[in-house]
Structure formats: structure tokens, C-alpha cells
Amino acid sequence: MKGCFAILLAAVLIPCTPVLARSFKASPLVGSWAVDVSRLPMPPEARPKSVTITFGDASGGKWTTQVDIVDGGGAKSHAVSTAALDGTAVPITGSTEADIAAVRMPTPDVLVMALGRGGIPASTRIYAVAADGKTMVETATYFGTNGRPIMRTNYFTRVR
């Protein structure tokens, strides 16, 4: 009977091994990323001096996102959220753009983030790491004041 149980257990666990082996640390998103401010779709005088996003494992099966911005005048902001990757909404602290976020990671190299502010949708962000792990693209979607959807692409390079 013990032999049958061992075979059954192995038959169940072998297909699950890739899922069990996948961890936050295995995700190429983990680390710090700096936006290429020269490519931001805004006039140079309106661009921030820097934007850095840091993704990481917050332990307990949760994901941390930190966004550090230095605006054109030198003022600094630091936003943080910690969330499970199941799409459950969590608060964001320190952000002028959003006060709530929900995240999912459909594959280890892609993160989908929905943001809201004051009870209404703010934007959706999709982060995708290139195969070499050195660059990342963010696709941001939101609605303009005319009610039409807008998509913007931001380009990042790995800092660490």
C-alpha cells in the first residue's frame, strides 16, 4: 500500500514541479529598473529627472513594488505597495497617482498591475522583461479627459 501511495504521490507532484519551483526570486522582474527619461512621451521640460521601479519578494507569498521619482525640480517621492499575486486590491502609500493596486503575474517575466485612485480606475500597467533580462517595457493604459483610451510605452534598463 505504501508503494502505491508513493507512486500516486510522484504522479501528482511531477507535473506540479515547475509550478512549485517557480518563485518570486526566479522572476526576472525582481530587481530595480530605471526608466529612460529621454524616451518619455512628454516635453523635456516636463520630464522627471529619474524614475526607478523596484520589484521584490516581500515574504509570505507577497510581491512588493516601490516607485522612486525625482521630478524636474528635484522633489522626491517614494511609493510602496505589497500584494499577493492573486489580483486582490491593496493600498499604495506615497503615490500621487494611485492609492490602490491589484497585481497578477501570468508568467515569471510579465506583471499586470491595475491602479485606482479615489475609488475609480487610474491605469493598468503591464511590465514585460526582455529575454536577456537587461531591459523591460512598461505598457500603460488609461483614459484621457475625452474618454478615449490611451496607451503609452516606457522603456527601462536594469539597475540591479
Protein backbone atom coordinates (compact mmCIF):
# COMPACT_ATOMS: atom_id res chain seq x y z
CA MET A 1 0.00 0.00 0.00
CA LYS A 2 2.85 2.38 0.83
CA GLY A 3 4.34 1.69 -2.61
CA CYS A 4 1.07 2.61 -4.34
CA PHE A 5 0.84 5.82 -2.32
CA ALA A 6 4.43 6.78 -3.24
CA ILE A 7 3.74 6.16 -6.94
CA LEU A 8 0.48 8.13 -6.76
CA LEU A 9 2.20 11.00 -4.94
CA ALA A 10 5.00 11.10 -7.52
CA ALA A 11 2.47 11.06 -10.36
CA VAL A 12 0.71 14.06 -8.84
CA LEU A 13 3.83 16.06 -7.93
CA ILE A 14 5.94 15.58 -11.08
CA PRO A 15 3.62 17.69 -13.28
CA CYS A 16 3.47 20.31 -10.49
CA THR A 17 7.25 20.63 -10.14
CA PRO A 18 7.59 23.66 -12.48
CA VAL A 19 4.82 25.44 -10.57
CA LEU A 20 6.36 24.60 -7.20
CA ALA A 21 9.82 25.60 -8.40
CA ARG A 22 8.65 28.98 -9.67
CA SER A 23 9.26 31.58 -7.03
CA PHE A 24 9.42 35.35 -6.92
CA LYS A 25 13.20 35.11 -6.90
CA ALA A 26 13.04 33.15 -10.15
CA SER A 27 11.19 36.03 -11.80
CA PRO A 28 13.41 38.23 -13.97
CA LEU A 29 11.27 41.17 -12.79
CA VAL A 30 12.89 41.08 -9.34
CA GLY A 31 15.32 43.99 -9.01
CA SER A 32 15.49 47.70 -9.73
CA TRP A 33 14.69 49.28 -13.09
CA ALA A 34 15.37 52.84 -14.29
CA VAL A 35 13.15 54.45 -16.91
CA ASP A 36 14.81 56.00 -19.96
CA VAL A 37 13.51 59.53 -19.31
CA SER A 38 14.72 60.70 -22.74
CA ARG A 39 12.06 58.46 -24.32
CA LEU A 40 9.13 59.60 -22.20
CA PRO A 41 6.29 60.95 -24.38
CA MET A 42 6.32 64.48 -22.95
CA PRO A 43 8.26 67.68 -23.50
CA PRO A 44 11.77 67.52 -22.00
CA GLU A 45 11.00 70.33 -19.52
CA ALA A 46 8.06 68.28 -18.12
CA ARG A 47 10.04 65.05 -17.67
CA PRO A 48 11.15 63.79 -14.28
CA LYS A 49 14.90 63.58 -13.64
CA SER A 50 14.54 59.89 -12.77
CA VAL A 51 12.04 57.11 -12.17
CA THR A 52 13.10 53.84 -10.59
CA ILE A 53 10.84 50.84 -10.01
CA THR A 54 11.94 48.06 -7.68
CA PHE A 55 10.12 44.73 -7.64
CA GLY A 56 10.73 42.10 -4.99
CA ASP A 57 9.65 39.26 -2.75
CA ALA A 58 8.02 40.57 0.43
CA SER A 59 7.92 37.06 2.00
CA GLY A 60 4.77 35.19 2.83
CA GLY A 61 3.93 34.84 -0.86
CA LYS A 62 3.63 38.58 -1.43
CA TRP A 63 5.13 40.94 -4.00
CA THR A 64 6.48 44.42 -3.27
CA THR A 65 6.56 47.30 -5.71
CA GLN A 66 8.44 50.52 -4.91
CA VAL A 67 8.49 53.55 -7.18
CA ASP A 68 11.00 56.33 -6.60
CA ILE A 69 10.65 59.54 -8.62
CA VAL A 70 12.78 62.65 -8.73
CA ASP A 71 10.79 65.32 -10.57
CA GLY A 72 12.21 68.06 -12.76
CA GLY A 73 12.56 70.40 -9.79
CA GLY A 74 14.38 67.82 -7.67
CA ALA A 75 11.47 66.87 -5.38
CA LYS A 76 11.47 63.19 -4.44
CA SER A 77 8.58 60.78 -3.95
CA HIS A 78 8.54 57.17 -2.77
CA ALA A 79 5.50 54.92 -3.29
CA VAL A 80 5.15 51.38 -1.93
CA SER A 81 2.65 48.53 -2.15
CA THR A 82 2.79 44.91 -1.04
CA ALA A 83 0.31 42.49 -2.54
CA ALA A 84 -0.41 38.84 -3.18
CA LEU A 85 -0.22 37.97 -6.89
CA ASP A 86 -3.89 36.94 -6.93
CA GLY A 87 -5.43 40.24 -8.01
CA THR A 88 -6.58 41.25 -4.52
CA ALA A 89 -6.59 45.04 -4.09
CA VAL A 90 -4.13 46.53 -1.59
CA PRO A 91 -3.31 50.11 -0.56
CA ILE A 92 -0.43 52.09 -2.02
CA THR A 93 1.35 54.60 0.18
CA GLY A 94 3.21 57.69 -1.06
CA SER A 95 1.80 57.90 -4.59
CA THR A 96 0.04 60.92 -6.08
CA GLU A 97 -1.18 58.78 -9.00
CA ALA A 98 -2.85 55.86 -7.21
CA ASP A 99 -3.98 54.79 -3.75
CA ILE A 100 -4.84 51.15 -4.53
CA ALA A 101 -3.34 48.37 -6.66
CA ALA A 102 -4.01 44.78 -7.68
CA VAL A 103 -1.36 42.59 -9.34
CA ARG A 104 -1.03 39.26 -11.17
CA MET A 105 1.96 37.54 -12.72
CA PRO A 106 0.71 35.37 -15.62
CA THR A 107 4.30 34.29 -16.40
CA PRO A 108 7.53 34.92 -14.46
CA ASP A 109 8.57 37.69 -16.88
CA VAL A 110 5.24 39.59 -17.02
CA LEU A 111 3.45 41.55 -14.30
CA VAL A 112 -0.01 43.09 -14.74
CA MET A 113 -0.92 45.90 -12.34
CA ALA A 114 -4.30 47.64 -12.06
CA LEU A 115 -4.22 51.02 -10.30
CA GLY A 116 -7.02 53.14 -8.87
CA ARG A 117 -7.41 56.46 -7.10
CA GLY A 118 -10.35 57.69 -5.07
CA GLY A 119 -12.47 54.67 -5.95
CA ILE A 120 -12.09 54.97 -9.73
CA PRO A 121 -9.71 53.28 -12.20
CA ALA A 122 -6.44 55.17 -12.77
CA SER A 123 -4.43 52.97 -15.16
CA THR A 124 -3.32 49.45 -15.99
CA ARG A 125 0.39 48.70 -16.29
CA ILE A 126 1.92 45.67 -17.96
CA TYR A 127 5.62 45.06 -17.30
CA ALA A 128 7.47 42.64 -19.58
CA VAL A 129 11.15 41.74 -19.24
CA ALA A 130 13.18 41.08 -22.40
CA ALA A 131 14.67 37.63 -22.88
CA ASP A 132 18.16 38.90 -21.95
CA GLY A 133 16.85 40.19 -18.57
CA LYS A 134 18.54 43.57 -19.08
CA THR A 135 15.60 45.65 -20.30
CA MET A 136 11.91 45.92 -19.51
CA VAL A 137 8.97 47.54 -21.28
CA GLU A 138 6.01 49.02 -19.45
CA THR A 139 2.75 49.44 -21.36
CA ALA A 140 0.48 51.87 -19.50
CA THR A 141 -3.18 52.18 -20.43
CA TYR A 142 -5.60 54.79 -19.17
CA PHE A 143 -8.42 57.03 -20.37
CA GLY A 144 -7.90 60.62 -21.46
CA THR A 145 -10.15 63.52 -20.47
CA ASN A 146 -12.10 62.93 -23.69
CA GLY A 147 -12.97 59.39 -22.56
CA ARG A 148 -10.76 57.73 -25.18
CA PRO A 149 -8.28 55.03 -24.26
CA ILE A 150 -4.59 55.92 -24.40
CA MET A 151 -1.62 53.55 -24.45
CA ARG A 152 1.91 54.63 -23.60
CA THR A 153 5.15 52.64 -23.65
CA ASN A 154 8.01 53.29 -21.24
CA TYR A 155 11.46 51.72 -21.54
CA PHE A 156 13.53 50.56 -18.56
CA THR A 157 17.02 49.19 -18.03
CA ARG A 158 18.06 47.02 -15.12
CA VAL A 159 19.87 48.88 -12.34
CA ARG A 160 20.36 45.78 -10.19
